[in-house]
Amino acid sequence: MRLSDWQAQAPHRDALASKVMTVIQPVLAALGAESDPVCWIAWGDDPRSRYTMLVPTAAGLIVMSVRVNMPQEGPRASSKLIRWARVQVGELAIEMAQGHRLLSFQVEGNVLRGSDAEADAIAAFALELFASMDGRVQPASATKRGRPTRASLKAAASKTPSPTSPAPARAMPAPAAAKGPDR
């Protein structure tokens, strides 16, 4: 999920208010994140006062602790950029029970847990972290929340060639010269 998606569904109106975003965005930009980055927010026990953001970048994982209301100071964000070789993750575990998916994933000491739609979002974020740690580029469609829609599956199917369509002509490689045994 992108930061703008998190703003729309914050559990408390002040958690990602504009005064908090004016503190968060320059820190993210300074550490190499894009303007609306893919991220995960671990809200914790009291999102009105503090929470943790996890933001993957090309250089590594940004872990940002946000304090919403510091007395006489306003919002505060402290961050660190952890290189991909140093990021600590646990396994991505999923369980099916009575038609519901239960998922857990641990990254840098934060346990992300969820069921059903939230489990899908956590899995997408975890797979993006795994791809980034391996140096692979995650496709843009995988960063969207939830499962693919029928329309997106139909669009993808229309882009793949059908089995009856002729294959594109390929040049055949030149045969290698026969060599005798080296003496």
Protein backbone atom coordinates (compact mmCIF):
# COMPACT_ATOMS: atom_id res chain seq x y z
CA MET A 1 0.00 0.00 0.00
CA ARG A 2 1.13 3.51 -0.70
CA LEU A 3 1.38 6.26 1.89
CA SER A 4 -1.65 8.03 0.39
CA ASP A 5 -3.71 4.83 0.90
CA TRP A 6 -2.69 4.79 4.57
CA GLN A 7 -3.78 8.43 4.95
CA ALA A 8 -7.28 7.52 3.79
CA GLN A 9 -7.68 4.76 6.39
CA ALA A 10 -5.72 5.96 9.41
CA PRO A 11 -7.31 4.74 12.67
CA HIS A 12 -7.18 8.25 14.14
CA ARG A 13 -7.62 11.51 12.23
CA ASP A 14 -4.49 13.11 13.71
CA ALA A 15 -2.19 10.14 12.97
CA LEU A 16 -1.44 11.23 9.39
CA ALA A 17 -2.71 14.81 9.48
CA SER A 18 -1.03 17.45 7.34
CA LYS A 19 1.13 18.70 10.25
CA VAL A 20 2.47 15.14 10.69
CA MET A 21 3.00 14.71 6.94
CA THR A 22 5.09 17.91 6.82
CA VAL A 23 7.49 16.17 9.22
CA ILE A 24 7.40 12.71 7.57
CA GLN A 25 7.82 13.63 3.90
CA PRO A 26 11.14 15.53 4.10
CA VAL A 27 12.67 12.71 6.16
CA LEU A 28 11.53 10.11 3.61
CA ALA A 29 12.88 12.23 0.74
CA ALA A 30 16.24 12.69 2.50
CA LEU A 31 16.60 8.91 2.88
CA GLY A 32 15.76 8.20 -0.78
CA ALA A 33 12.05 7.33 -0.76
CA GLU A 34 9.72 8.48 -3.52
CA SER A 35 7.03 11.07 -2.80
CA ASP A 36 4.20 8.52 -2.33
CA PRO A 37 6.15 5.40 -1.35
CA VAL A 38 4.99 1.86 -0.86
CA CYS A 39 5.08 1.36 2.90
CA TRP A 40 3.60 -0.44 5.87
CA ILE A 41 2.47 1.28 9.03
CA ALA A 42 2.49 -0.70 12.27
CA TRP A 43 -0.05 1.33 14.25
CA GLY A 44 0.70 -0.26 17.62
CA ASP A 45 -1.39 0.25 20.74
CA ASP A 46 -2.01 4.00 20.48
CA PRO A 47 -1.88 5.42 16.94
CA ARG A 48 -2.96 8.83 18.30
CA SER A 49 0.47 9.21 19.88
CA ARG A 50 2.98 6.97 18.02
CA TYR A 51 3.48 4.36 15.32
CA THR A 52 6.19 2.85 13.11
CA MET A 53 6.53 3.12 9.32
CA LEU A 54 8.45 0.64 7.17
CA VAL A 55 9.41 1.99 3.75
CA PRO A 56 11.43 -0.02 1.19
CA THR A 57 13.80 2.02 -1.00
CA ALA A 58 16.50 1.13 -3.49
CA ALA A 59 19.20 1.49 -0.82
CA GLY A 60 17.45 -0.38 1.99
CA LEU A 61 14.54 -0.29 4.43
CA ILE A 62 13.58 2.93 6.16
CA VAL A 63 12.29 2.35 9.68
CA MET A 64 10.62 5.50 10.97
CA SER A 65 9.23 6.03 14.46
CA VAL A 66 6.60 8.75 14.41
CA ARG A 67 5.43 10.59 17.53
CA VAL A 68 2.27 12.49 16.70
CA ASN A 69 1.98 14.91 19.64
CA MET A 70 5.13 15.82 21.47
CA PRO A 71 4.28 18.31 24.24
CA GLN A 72 5.19 21.87 23.22
CA GLU A 73 6.94 20.56 20.07
CA GLY A 74 4.40 18.99 17.72
CA PRO A 75 5.08 15.88 15.62
CA ARG A 76 8.48 14.20 15.54
CA ALA A 77 9.95 11.51 13.28
CA SER A 78 13.17 9.62 13.88
CA SER A 79 14.37 7.31 11.14
CA LYS A 80 17.13 5.02 10.07
CA LEU A 81 17.97 3.46 6.73
CA ILE A 82 18.93 -0.19 7.10
CA ARG A 83 20.91 -1.61 4.17
CA TRP A 84 19.23 -4.66 2.57
CA ALA A 85 22.03 -6.96 3.69
CA ARG A 86 21.30 -6.02 7.33
CA VAL A 87 17.47 -6.11 7.30
CA GLN A 88 16.13 -8.79 9.64
CA VAL A 89 12.98 -10.60 8.56
CA GLY A 90 11.18 -13.70 9.73
CA GLU A 91 9.25 -16.19 7.70
CA LEU A 92 5.99 -15.35 5.99
CA ALA A 93 3.49 -17.74 7.61
CA ILE A 94 -0.10 -18.26 6.52
CA GLU A 95 -2.82 -20.49 7.90
CA MET A 96 -6.29 -21.27 6.54
CA ALA A 97 -9.05 -21.82 9.09
CA GLN A 98 -12.76 -21.97 8.38
CA GLY A 99 -12.41 -20.12 5.09
CA HIS A 100 -10.24 -17.31 6.52
CA ARG A 101 -6.56 -16.63 5.89
CA LEU A 102 -4.43 -15.77 8.92
CA LEU A 103 -0.97 -14.39 8.20
CA SER A 104 2.02 -13.25 10.21
CA PHE A 105 5.34 -11.77 9.18
CA GLN A 106 8.13 -10.21 11.22
CA VAL A 107 10.42 -7.46 9.98
CA GLU A 108 12.91 -5.53 12.13
CA GLY A 109 11.16 -6.58 15.34
CA ASN A 110 7.69 -5.56 14.14
CA VAL A 111 5.19 -8.41 13.93
CA LEU A 112 2.66 -7.82 11.18
CA ARG A 113 -0.51 -9.91 11.60
CA GLY A 114 -3.74 -9.90 9.69
CA SER A 115 -6.60 -11.89 8.28
CA ASP A 116 -8.22 -12.04 4.85
CA ALA A 117 -7.81 -8.68 3.01
CA GLU A 118 -5.24 -7.40 5.50
CA ALA A 119 -3.35 -10.70 5.14
CA ASP A 120 -3.23 -10.16 1.37
CA ALA A 121 -1.80 -6.66 1.88
CA ILE A 122 0.82 -7.93 4.35
CA ALA A 123 1.79 -10.73 1.94
CA ALA A 124 2.22 -8.23 -0.92
CA PHE A 125 4.41 -6.02 1.29
CA ALA A 126 6.47 -9.00 2.50
CA LEU A 127 7.01 -10.24 -1.06
CA GLU A 128 8.14 -6.75 -2.06
CA LEU A 129 10.64 -6.77 0.82
CA PHE A 130 11.91 -10.22 -0.20
CA ALA A 131 12.32 -9.05 -3.82
CA SER A 132 14.16 -5.92 -2.71
CA MET A 133 16.45 -7.92 -0.43
CA ASP A 134 17.29 -10.23 -3.34
CA GLY A 135 17.90 -7.30 -5.69
CA ARG A 136 14.88 -8.11 -7.85
CA VAL A 137 12.51 -5.41 -9.04
CA GLN A 138 8.95 -6.02 -7.87
CA PRO A 139 6.35 -5.48 -10.62
CA ALA A 140 4.06 -2.50 -10.04
CA SER A 141 0.94 -4.68 -10.08
CA ALA A 142 2.20 -6.64 -7.06
CA THR A 143 2.31 -3.53 -4.89
CA LYS A 144 -1.43 -3.04 -5.14
CA ARG A 145 -3.54 -4.16 -2.24
CA GLY A 146 -5.41 -7.45 -2.36
CA ARG A 147 -5.96 -9.97 -5.09
CA PRO A 148 -6.01 -9.22 -8.81
CA THR A 149 -9.41 -8.29 -10.21
CA ARG A 150 -11.13 -10.13 -13.06
CA ALA A 151 -10.53 -7.12 -15.30
CA SER A 152 -6.78 -7.18 -14.63
CA LEU A 153 -6.63 -10.94 -15.24
CA LYS A 154 -8.57 -10.55 -18.49
CA ALA A 155 -6.27 -7.72 -19.60
CA ALA A 156 -3.20 -9.83 -18.83
CA ALA A 157 -4.66 -12.78 -20.74
CA SER A 158 -5.30 -10.60 -23.81
CA LYS A 159 -1.62 -9.59 -23.87
CA THR A 160 -0.34 -13.16 -23.97
CA PRO A 161 -0.26 -14.80 -27.39
CA SER A 162 -2.82 -17.52 -27.97
CA PRO A 163 -1.61 -21.06 -28.72
CA THR A 164 -2.99 -20.83 -32.27
CA SER A 165 -1.17 -17.62 -33.19
CA PRO A 166 2.04 -18.10 -35.14
CA ALA A 167 5.24 -17.76 -33.18
CA PRO A 168 7.55 -14.93 -34.19
CA ALA A 169 10.35 -15.92 -36.55
CA ARG A 170 13.69 -16.44 -34.83
CA ALA A 171 17.08 -16.64 -36.39
CA MET A 172 18.66 -20.04 -35.95
CA PRO A 173 22.15 -19.98 -34.45
CA ALA A 174 24.96 -21.05 -36.73
CA PRO A 175 26.11 -24.62 -36.05
CA ALA A 176 29.34 -24.88 -34.13
CA ALA A 177 32.33 -26.08 -36.10
CA ALA A 178 33.13 -29.72 -35.45
CA LYS A 179 36.35 -30.03 -33.55
CA GLY A 180 38.43 -33.07 -33.13
CA PRO A 181 40.11 -34.06 -29.91
CA ASP A 182 42.81 -31.67 -28.76
CA ARG A 183 46.28 -33.16 -28.97
